[in-house]
């Protein structure tokens, strides 16, 4: 994703979300070891990530950006919408 054309707040939200996700991923319990975080901390992290995502969606909507932002493969076919115009016959009286 090219961040050059994003606003400062959108860049901040992106960095914040990525940082939170990295911390969670790197501290995830492995091999049956319990989590280093309390249940309340885990819930707080979920809430923060949820709020970050909500704000990112709001900022994207304000900028008119695509709401379904997700990584795409280079060779992935682009979905294009085709507009079909329907005509109706006028009733003859």
PDB file of N, CA and C in Angstrom:
ATOM      1  N   UNK A   1       0.850  -1.182   0.000  1.00  0.00           N
ATOM      2  CA  UNK A   1       0.000   0.000   0.000  1.00  0.00           C
ATOM      3  C   UNK A   1       0.889   1.236   0.000  1.00  0.00           C
ATOM      4  N   UNK A   2       0.599   2.147  -0.889  1.00  0.00           N
ATOM      5  CA  UNK A   2       1.357   3.385  -0.977  1.00  0.00           C
ATOM      6  C   UNK A   2       0.765   4.378   0.015  1.00  0.00           C
ATOM      7  N   UNK A   3       1.566   4.792   0.985  1.00  0.00           N
ATOM      8  CA  UNK A   3       1.080   5.706   2.018  1.00  0.00           C
ATOM      9  C   UNK A   3       1.378   7.162   1.701  1.00  0.00           C
ATOM     10  N   UNK A   4       1.990   7.431   0.558  1.00  0.00           N
ATOM     11  CA  UNK A   4       2.355   8.810   0.210  1.00  0.00           C
ATOM     12  C   UNK A   4       1.141   9.721   0.072  1.00  0.00           C
ATOM     13  N   UNK A   5       0.031   9.172  -0.418  1.00  0.00           N
ATOM     14  CA  UNK A   5      -1.133  10.019  -0.664  1.00  0.00           C
ATOM     15  C   UNK A   5      -2.124  10.013   0.506  1.00  0.00           C
ATOM     16  N   UNK A   6      -1.773   9.395   1.638  1.00  0.00           N
ATOM     17  CA  UNK A   6      -2.651   9.358   2.798  1.00  0.00           C
ATOM     18  C   UNK A   6      -2.443  10.582   3.678  1.00  0.00           C
ATOM     19  N   UNK A   7      -3.498  10.982   4.368  1.00  0.00           N
ATOM     20  CA  UNK A   7      -3.377  12.097   5.299  1.00  0.00           C
ATOM     21  C   UNK A   7      -2.531  11.672   6.496  1.00  0.00           C
ATOM     22  N   UNK A   8      -2.091  12.632   7.257  1.00  0.00           N
ATOM     23  CA  UNK A   8      -1.261  12.342   8.439  1.00  0.00           C
ATOM     24  C   UNK A   8      -2.011  11.466   9.429  1.00  0.00           C
ATOM     25  N   UNK A   9      -3.287  11.754   9.630  1.00  0.00           N
ATOM     26  CA  UNK A   9      -4.056  10.951  10.578  1.00  0.00           C
ATOM     27  C   UNK A   9      -4.236   9.516  10.087  1.00  0.00           C
ATOM     28  N   UNK A  10      -4.454   9.345   8.789  1.00  0.00           N
ATOM     29  CA  UNK A  10      -4.589   7.982   8.252  1.00  0.00           C
ATOM     30  C   UNK A  10      -3.272   7.227   8.370  1.00  0.00           C
ATOM     31  N   UNK A  11      -2.139   7.910   8.132  1.00  0.00           N
ATOM     32  CA  UNK A  11      -0.834   7.269   8.310  1.00  0.00           C
ATOM     33  C   UNK A  11      -0.634   6.860   9.764  1.00  0.00           C
ATOM     34  N   UNK A  12      -1.030   7.741  10.679  1.00  0.00           N
ATOM     35  CA  UNK A  12      -0.902   7.465  12.103  1.00  0.00           C
ATOM     36  C   UNK A  12      -1.743   6.242  12.486  1.00  0.00           C
ATOM     37  N   UNK A  13      -2.975   6.186  12.016  1.00  0.00           N
ATOM     38  CA  UNK A  13      -3.859   5.061  12.328  1.00  0.00           C
ATOM     39  C   UNK A  13      -3.300   3.752  11.770  1.00  0.00           C
ATOM     40  N   UNK A  14      -2.775   3.806  10.562  1.00  0.00           N
ATOM     41  CA  UNK A  14      -2.185   2.628   9.942  1.00  0.00           C
ATOM     42  C   UNK A  14      -0.999   2.119  10.756  1.00  0.00           C
ATOM     43  N   UNK A  15      -0.121   3.028  11.151  1.00  0.00           N
ATOM     44  CA  UNK A  15       1.044   2.661  11.944  1.00  0.00           C
ATOM     45  C   UNK A  15       0.638   2.123  13.311  1.00  0.00           C
ATOM     46  N   UNK A  16      -0.341   2.754  13.931  1.00  0.00           N
ATOM     47  CA  UNK A  16      -0.822   2.318  15.240  1.00  0.00           C
ATOM     48  C   UNK A  16      -1.400   0.908  15.167  1.00  0.00           C
ATOM     49  N   UNK A  17      -2.224   0.649  14.149  1.00  0.00           N
ATOM     50  CA  UNK A  17      -2.823  -0.679  13.991  1.00  0.00           C
ATOM     51  C   UNK A  17      -1.753  -1.741  13.749  1.00  0.00           C
ATOM     52  N   UNK A  18      -0.798  -1.434  12.872  1.00  0.00           N
ATOM     53  CA  UNK A  18       0.265  -2.397  12.577  1.00  0.00           C
ATOM     54  C   UNK A  18       1.117  -2.677  13.812  1.00  0.00           C
ATOM     55  N   UNK A  19       1.402  -1.645  14.594  1.00  0.00           N
ATOM     56  CA  UNK A  19       2.209  -1.812  15.798  1.00  0.00           C
ATOM     57  C   UNK A  19       1.485  -2.674  16.831  1.00  0.00           C
ATOM     58  N   UNK A  20       0.210  -2.362  17.070  1.00  0.00           N
ATOM     59  CA  UNK A  20      -0.590  -3.171  17.997  1.00  0.00           C
ATOM     60  C   UNK A  20      -0.627  -4.625  17.552  1.00  0.00           C
ATOM     61  N   UNK A  21      -0.874  -4.855  16.263  1.00  0.00           N
ATOM     62  CA  UNK A  21      -0.954  -6.219  15.745  1.00  0.00           C
ATOM     63  C   UNK A  21       0.383  -6.950  15.907  1.00  0.00           C
ATOM     64  N   UNK A  22       1.485  -6.253  15.691  1.00  0.00           N
ATOM     65  CA  UNK A  22       2.809  -6.874  15.860  1.00  0.00           C
ATOM     66  C   UNK A  22       3.071  -7.254  17.313  1.00  0.00           C
ATOM     67  N   UNK A  23       2.702  -6.376  18.227  1.00  0.00           N
ATOM     68  CA  UNK A  23       2.883  -6.674  19.656  1.00  0.00           C
ATOM     69  C   UNK A  23       2.075  -7.907  20.038  1.00  0.00           C
ATOM     70  N   UNK A  24       0.834  -7.954  19.584  1.00  0.00           N
ATOM     71  CA  UNK A  24      -0.024  -9.105  19.901  1.00  0.00           C
ATOM     72  C   UNK A  24       0.554 -10.372  19.289  1.00  0.00           C
ATOM     73  N   UNK A  25       0.978 -10.317  18.049  1.00  0.00           N
ATOM     74  CA  UNK A  25       1.526 -11.482  17.367  1.00  0.00           C
ATOM     75  C   UNK A  25       2.807 -11.973  18.053  1.00  0.00           C
ATOM     76  N   UNK A  26       3.690 -11.051  18.423  1.00  0.00           N
ATOM     77  CA  UNK A  26       4.969 -11.437  19.017  1.00  0.00           C
ATOM     78  C   UNK A  26       4.842 -11.923  20.452  1.00  0.00           C
ATOM     79  N   UNK A  27       3.774 -11.552  21.133  1.00  0.00           N
ATOM     80  CA  UNK A  27       3.596 -11.994  22.519  1.00  0.00           C
ATOM     81  C   UNK A  27       2.552 -13.094  22.641  1.00  0.00           C
ATOM     82  N   UNK A  28       2.076 -13.594  21.504  1.00  0.00           N
ATOM     83  CA  UNK A  28       1.069 -14.665  21.539  1.00  0.00           C
ATOM     84  C   UNK A  28       1.662 -15.900  22.212  1.00  0.00           C
ATOM     85  N   UNK A  29       0.881 -16.547  23.084  1.00  0.00           N
ATOM     86  CA  UNK A  29       1.383 -17.733  23.762  1.00  0.00           C
ATOM     87  C   UNK A  29       1.627 -18.874  22.778  1.00  0.00           C
ATOM     88  N   UNK A  30       2.711 -19.593  23.015  1.00  0.00           N
ATOM     89  CA  UNK A  30       3.072 -20.724  22.164  1.00  0.00           C
ATOM     90  C   UNK A  30       3.309 -21.957  23.035  1.00  0.00           C
ATOM     91  N   UNK A  31       3.048 -23.093  22.459  1.00  0.00           N
ATOM     92  CA  UNK A  31       3.318 -24.380  23.116  1.00  0.00           C
ATOM     93  C   UNK A  31       2.666 -24.493  24.491  1.00  0.00           C
ATOM     94  N   UNK A  32       1.433 -24.069  24.620  1.00  0.00           N
ATOM     95  CA  UNK A  32       0.695 -24.244  25.861  1.00  0.00           C
ATOM     96  C   UNK A  32       1.044 -23.272  26.970  1.00  0.00           C
ATOM     97  N   UNK A  33       1.897 -22.297  26.704  1.00  0.00           N
ATOM     98  CA  UNK A  33       2.261 -21.294  27.700  1.00  0.00           C
ATOM     99  C   UNK A  33       1.125 -20.283  27.789  1.00  0.00           C
ATOM    100  N   UNK A  34       0.799 -19.854  28.989  1.00  0.00           N
ATOM    101  CA  UNK A  34      -0.302 -18.898  29.137  1.00  0.00           C
ATOM    102  C   UNK A  34       0.125 -17.506  28.666  1.00  0.00           C
ATOM    103  N   UNK A  35      -0.864 -16.703  28.334  1.00  0.00           N
ATOM    104  CA  UNK A  35      -0.622 -15.363  27.827  1.00  0.00           C
ATOM    105  C   UNK A  35      -0.008 -14.478  28.912  1.00  0.00           C
ATOM    106  N   UNK A  36       0.923 -13.590  28.523  1.00  0.00           N
ATOM    107  CA  UNK A  36       1.492 -12.677  29.510  1.00  0.00           C
ATOM    108  C   UNK A  36       0.523 -11.559  29.898  1.00  0.00           C
ATOM    109  N   UNK A  37      -0.577 -11.441  29.168  1.00  0.00           N
ATOM    110  CA  UNK A  37      -1.545 -10.381  29.416  1.00  0.00           C
ATOM    111  C   UNK A  37      -2.709 -10.886  30.244  1.00  0.00           C
ATOM    112  N   UNK A  38      -3.265  -9.996  31.057  1.00  0.00           N
ATOM    113  CA  UNK A  38      -4.477 -10.339  31.806  1.00  0.00           C
ATOM    114  C   UNK A  38      -5.668 -10.304  30.849  1.00  0.00           C
ATOM    115  N   UNK A  39      -6.775 -10.877  31.257  1.00  0.00           N
ATOM    116  CA  UNK A  39      -7.981 -10.864  30.435  1.00  0.00           C
ATOM    117  C   UNK A  39      -8.429  -9.431  30.133  1.00  0.00           C
ATOM    118  N   UNK A  40      -8.296  -8.555  31.118  1.00  0.00           N
ATOM    119  CA  UNK A  40      -8.694  -7.155  30.918  1.00  0.00           C
ATOM    120  C   UNK A  40      -7.808  -6.481  29.876  1.00  0.00           C
ATOM    121  N   UNK A  41      -6.506  -6.748  29.911  1.00  0.00           N
ATOM    122  CA  UNK A  41      -5.590  -6.167  28.926  1.00  0.00           C
ATOM    123  C   UNK A  41      -5.913  -6.680  27.531  1.00  0.00           C
ATOM    124  N   UNK A  42      -6.212  -7.963  27.403  1.00  0.00           N
ATOM    125  CA  UNK A  42      -6.576  -8.539  26.107  1.00  0.00           C
ATOM    126  C   UNK A  42      -7.836  -7.865  25.570  1.00  0.00           C
ATOM    127  N   UNK A  43      -8.814  -7.669  26.440  1.00  0.00           N
ATOM    128  CA  UNK A  43     -10.057  -7.002  26.037  1.00  0.00           C
ATOM    129  C   UNK A  43      -9.787  -5.548  25.638  1.00  0.00           C
ATOM    130  N   UNK A  44      -8.918  -4.873  26.363  1.00  0.00           N
ATOM    131  CA  UNK A  44      -8.560  -3.488  26.032  1.00  0.00           C
ATOM    132  C   UNK A  44      -7.867  -3.396  24.673  1.00  0.00           C
ATOM    133  N   UNK A  45      -6.997  -4.347  24.384  1.00  0.00           N
ATOM    134  CA  UNK A  45      -6.315  -4.373  23.086  1.00  0.00           C
ATOM    135  C   UNK A  45      -7.334  -4.571  21.971  1.00  0.00           C
ATOM    136  N   UNK A  46      -8.275  -5.496  22.177  1.00  0.00           N
ATOM    137  CA  UNK A  46      -9.323  -5.717  21.175  1.00  0.00           C
ATOM    138  C   UNK A  46     -10.122  -4.438  20.943  1.00  0.00           C
ATOM    139  N   UNK A  47     -10.461  -3.755  22.022  1.00  0.00           N
ATOM    140  CA  UNK A  47     -11.227  -2.519  21.918  1.00  0.00           C
ATOM    141  C   UNK A  47     -10.436  -1.453  21.157  1.00  0.00           C
ATOM    142  N   UNK A  48      -9.153  -1.321  21.483  1.00  0.00           N
ATOM    143  CA  UNK A  48      -8.310  -0.336  20.787  1.00  0.00           C
ATOM    144  C   UNK A  48      -8.223  -0.642  19.289  1.00  0.00           C
ATOM    145  N   UNK A  49      -7.999  -1.898  18.930  1.00  0.00           N
ATOM    146  CA  UNK A  49      -7.915  -2.267  17.520  1.00  0.00           C
ATOM    147  C   UNK A  49      -9.251  -2.019  16.813  1.00  0.00           C
ATOM    148  N   UNK A  50     -10.331  -2.271  17.516  1.00  0.00           N
ATOM    149  CA  UNK A  50     -11.658  -2.016  16.957  1.00  0.00           C
ATOM    150  C   UNK A  50     -11.868  -0.526  16.701  1.00  0.00           C
ATOM    151  N   UNK A  51     -11.485   0.306  17.661  1.00  0.00           N
ATOM    152  CA  UNK A  51     -11.627   1.755  17.504  1.00  0.00           C
ATOM    153  C   UNK A  51     -10.729   2.297  16.397  1.00  0.00           C
ATOM    154  N   UNK A  52      -9.531   1.759  16.287  1.00  0.00           N
ATOM    155  CA  UNK A  52      -8.611   2.173  15.225  1.00  0.00           C
ATOM    156  C   UNK A  52      -9.226   1.841  13.863  1.00  0.00           C
ATOM    157  N   UNK A  53      -9.754   0.627  13.725  1.00  0.00           N
ATOM    158  CA  UNK A  53     -10.372   0.220  12.464  1.00  0.00           C
ATOM    159  C   UNK A  53     -11.572   1.095  12.122  1.00  0.00           C
ATOM    160  N   UNK A  54     -12.365   1.395  13.133  1.00  0.00           N
ATOM    161  CA  UNK A  54     -13.536   2.250  12.925  1.00  0.00           C
ATOM    162  C   UNK A  54     -13.116   3.638  12.432  1.00  0.00           C
ATOM    163  N   UNK A  55     -12.081   4.187  13.041  1.00  0.00           N
ATOM    164  CA  UNK A  55     -11.603   5.516  12.635  1.00  0.00           C
ATOM    165  C   UNK A  55     -11.004   5.476  11.234  1.00  0.00           C
ATOM    166  N   UNK A  56     -10.276   4.398  10.912  1.00  0.00           N
ATOM    167  CA  UNK A  56      -9.711   4.255   9.571  1.00  0.00           C
ATOM    168  C   UNK A  56     -10.824   4.227   8.519  1.00  0.00           C
ATOM    169  N   UNK A  57     -11.909   3.499   8.810  1.00  0.00           N
ATOM    170  CA  UNK A  57     -13.035   3.453   7.884  1.00  0.00           C
ATOM    171  C   UNK A  57     -13.666   4.835   7.718  1.00  0.00           C
ATOM    172  N   UNK A  58     -13.810   5.565   8.827  1.00  0.00           N
ATOM    173  CA  UNK A  58     -14.401   6.901   8.766  1.00  0.00           C
ATOM    174  C   UNK A  58     -13.530   7.847   7.944  1.00  0.00           C
ATOM    175  N   UNK A  59     -12.229   7.793   8.146  1.00  0.00           N
ATOM    176  CA  UNK A  59     -11.317   8.650   7.387  1.00  0.00           C
ATOM    177  C   UNK A  59     -11.339   8.288   5.907  1.00  0.00           C
ATOM    178  N   UNK A  60     -11.384   6.997   5.611  1.00  0.00           N
ATOM    179  CA  UNK A  60     -11.438   6.562   4.218  1.00  0.00           C
ATOM    180  C   UNK A  60     -12.726   7.030   3.556  1.00  0.00           C
ATOM    181  N   UNK A  61     -13.827   6.965   4.292  1.00  0.00           N
ATOM    182  CA  UNK A  61     -15.105   7.421   3.744  1.00  0.00           C
ATOM    183  C   UNK A  61     -15.075   8.926   3.479  1.00  0.00           C
ATOM    184  N   UNK A  62     -14.455   9.680   4.375  1.00  0.00           N
ATOM    185  CA  UNK A  62     -14.340  11.133   4.180  1.00  0.00           C
ATOM    186  C   UNK A  62     -13.527  11.459   2.931  1.00  0.00           C
ATOM    187  N   UNK A  63     -12.501  10.647   2.680  1.00  0.00           N
ATOM    188  CA  UNK A  63     -11.634  10.878   1.517  1.00  0.00           C
ATOM    189  C   UNK A  63     -12.204  10.262   0.247  1.00  0.00           C
ATOM    190  N   UNK A  64     -13.312   9.528   0.381  1.00  0.00           N
ATOM    191  CA  UNK A  64     -13.909   8.872  -0.781  1.00  0.00           C
ATOM    192  C   UNK A  64     -13.131   7.655  -1.229  1.00  0.00           C
ATOM    193  N   UNK A  65     -12.330   7.092  -0.337  1.00  0.00           N
ATOM    194  CA  UNK A  65     -11.524   5.918  -0.675  1.00  0.00           C
ATOM    195  C   UNK A  65     -12.374   4.662  -0.624  1.00  0.00           C
ATOM    196  N   UNK A  66     -11.860   3.619  -1.232  1.00  0.00           N
ATOM    197  CA  UNK A  66     -12.546   2.332  -1.253  1.00  0.00           C
ATOM    198  C   UNK A  66     -12.690   1.807   0.166  1.00  0.00           C
ATOM    199  N   UNK A  67     -13.883   1.372   0.527  1.00  0.00           N
ATOM    200  CA  UNK A  67     -14.122   0.915   1.893  1.00  0.00           C
ATOM    201  C   UNK A  67     -13.654  -0.512   2.131  1.00  0.00           C
ATOM    202  N   UNK A  68     -13.452  -1.277   1.080  1.00  0.00           N
ATOM    203  CA  UNK A  68     -13.016  -2.665   1.235  1.00  0.00           C
ATOM    204  C   UNK A  68     -11.512  -2.779   0.988  1.00  0.00           C
ATOM    205  N   UNK A  69     -10.746  -1.926   1.642  1.00  0.00           N
ATOM    206  CA  UNK A  69      -9.305  -1.928   1.444  1.00  0.00           C
ATOM    207  C   UNK A  69      -8.721  -3.226   1.968  1.00  0.00           C
ATOM    208  N   UNK A  70      -8.004  -3.912   1.118  1.00  0.00           N
ATOM    209  CA  UNK A  70      -7.342  -5.134   1.508  1.00  0.00           C
ATOM    210  C   UNK A  70      -6.183  -5.358   0.552  1.00  0.00           C
ATOM    211  N   UNK A  71      -5.206  -6.130   0.986  1.00  0.00           N
ATOM    212  CA  UNK A  71      -4.085  -6.386   0.084  1.00  0.00           C
ATOM    213  C   UNK A  71      -4.554  -7.150  -1.153  1.00  0.00           C
ATOM    214  N   UNK A  72      -3.965  -6.860  -2.278  1.00  0.00           N
ATOM    215  CA  UNK A  72      -4.305  -7.556  -3.513  1.00  0.00           C
ATOM    216  C   UNK A  72      -3.029  -8.059  -4.167  1.00  0.00           C
ATOM    217  N   UNK A  73      -3.129  -9.247  -4.770  1.00  0.00           N
ATOM    218  CA  UNK A  73      -2.012  -9.785  -5.514  1.00  0.00           C
ATOM    219  C   UNK A  73      -1.905  -9.048  -6.842  1.00  0.00           C
ATOM    220  N   UNK A  74      -0.699  -8.950  -7.357  1.00  0.00           N
ATOM    221  CA  UNK A  74      -0.470  -8.232  -8.603  1.00  0.00           C
ATOM    222  C   UNK A  74      -1.250  -8.883  -9.745  1.00  0.00           C
ATOM    223  N   UNK A  75      -1.299 -10.225  -9.761  1.00  0.00           N
ATOM    224  CA  UNK A  75      -1.970 -10.921 -10.858  1.00  0.00           C
ATOM    225  C   UNK A  75      -3.449 -11.195 -10.581  1.00  0.00           C
ATOM    226  N   UNK A  76      -3.975 -10.667  -9.487  1.00  0.00           N
ATOM    227  CA  UNK A  76      -5.387 -10.862  -9.154  1.00  0.00           C
ATOM    228  C   UNK A  76      -6.257 -10.043 -10.106  1.00  0.00           C
ATOM    229  N   UNK A  77      -7.260 -10.691 -10.700  1.00  0.00           N
ATOM    230  CA  UNK A  77      -8.117  -9.935 -11.616  1.00  0.00           C
ATOM    231  C   UNK A  77      -8.897  -8.854 -10.870  1.00  0.00           C
ATOM    232  N   UNK A  78      -8.988  -7.703 -11.487  1.00  0.00           N
ATOM    233  CA  UNK A  78      -9.722  -6.600 -10.895  1.00  0.00           C
ATOM    234  C   UNK A  78     -11.208  -6.796 -11.155  1.00  0.00           C
ATOM    235  N   UNK A  79     -12.002  -6.567 -10.133  1.00  0.00           N
ATOM    236  CA  UNK A  79     -13.442  -6.665 -10.311  1.00  0.00           C
ATOM    237  C   UNK A  79     -13.939  -5.359 -10.903  1.00  0.00           C
ATOM    238  N   UNK A  80     -14.651  -5.477 -11.977  1.00  0.00           N
ATOM    239  CA  UNK A  80     -15.219  -4.287 -12.586  1.00  0.00           C
ATOM    240  C   UNK A  80     -16.728  -4.444 -12.629  1.00  0.00           C
ATOM    241  N   UNK A  81     -17.396  -3.403 -12.289  1.00  0.00           N
ATOM    242  CA  UNK A  81     -18.855  -3.432 -12.313  1.00  0.00           C
ATOM    243  C   UNK A  81     -19.333  -2.954 -13.670  1.00  0.00           C
ATOM    244  N   UNK A  82     -20.282  -3.673 -14.221  1.00  0.00           N
ATOM    245  CA  UNK A  82     -20.862  -3.264 -15.480  1.00  0.00           C
ATOM    246  C   UNK A  82     -22.263  -2.751 -15.199  1.00  0.00           C
ATOM    247  N   UNK A  83     -22.544  -1.597 -15.723  1.00  0.00           N
ATOM    248  CA  UNK A  83     -23.854  -1.005 -15.539  1.00  0.00           C
ATOM    249  C   UNK A  83     -24.746  -1.460 -16.679  1.00  0.00           C
ATOM    250  N   UNK A  84     -25.861  -2.039 -16.325  1.00  0.00           N
ATOM    251  CA  UNK A  84     -26.808  -2.501 -17.326  1.00  0.00           C
ATOM    252  C   UNK A  84     -28.009  -1.569 -17.278  1.00  0.00           C
ATOM    253  N   UNK A  85     -28.304  -0.959 -18.399  1.00  0.00           N
ATOM    254  CA  UNK A  85     -29.434  -0.047 -18.471  1.00  0.00           C
ATOM    255  C   UNK A  85     -30.666  -0.828 -18.911  1.00  0.00           C
ATOM    256  N   UNK A  86     -31.699  -0.755 -18.124  1.00  0.00           N
ATOM    257  CA  UNK A  86     -32.941  -1.439 -18.452  1.00  0.00           C
ATOM    258  C   UNK A  86     -33.916  -0.453 -19.051  1.00  0.00           C
ATOM    259  N   UNK A  87     -34.518  -0.837 -20.145  1.00  0.00           N
ATOM    260  CA  UNK A  87     -35.507   0.004 -20.805  1.00  0.00           C
ATOM    261  C   UNK A  87     -36.850  -0.681 -20.688  1.00  0.00           C
ATOM    262  N   UNK A  88     -37.861   0.099 -20.460  1.00  0.00           N
ATOM    263  CA  UNK A  88     -39.218  -0.446 -20.433  1.00  0.00           C
ATOM    264  C   UNK A  88     -40.001   0.152 -21.574  1.00  0.00           C
ATOM    265  N   UNK A  89     -40.900  -0.629 -22.073  1.00  0.00           N
ATOM    266  CA  UNK A  89     -41.738  -0.131 -23.158  1.00  0.00           C
ATOM    267  C   UNK A  89     -42.833   0.732 -22.585  1.00  0.00           C
ATOM    268  N   UNK A  90     -43.122   1.755 -23.298  1.00  0.00           N
ATOM    269  CA  UNK A  90     -44.237   2.600 -22.899  1.00  0.00           C
ATOM    270  C   UNK A  90     -45.514   1.888 -23.288  1.00  0.00           C
ATOM    271  N   UNK A  91     -46.489   1.951 -22.411  1.00  0.00           N
ATOM    272  CA  UNK A  91     -47.763   1.310 -22.687  1.00  0.00           C
ATOM    273  C   UNK A  91     -48.496   2.091 -23.777  1.00  0.00           C
ATOM    274  N   UNK A  92     -48.995   1.350 -24.718  1.00  0.00           N
ATOM    275  CA  UNK A  92     -49.776   1.993 -25.779  1.00  0.00           C
ATOM    276  C   UNK A  92     -51.218   2.089 -25.323  1.00  0.00           C
ATOM    277  N   UNK A  93     -51.811   3.252 -25.482  1.00  0.00           N
ATOM    278  CA  UNK A  93     -53.193   3.406 -25.024  1.00  0.00           C
ATOM    279  C   UNK A  93     -54.164   3.294 -26.151  1.00  0.00           C
TER     280      UNK A  93
END
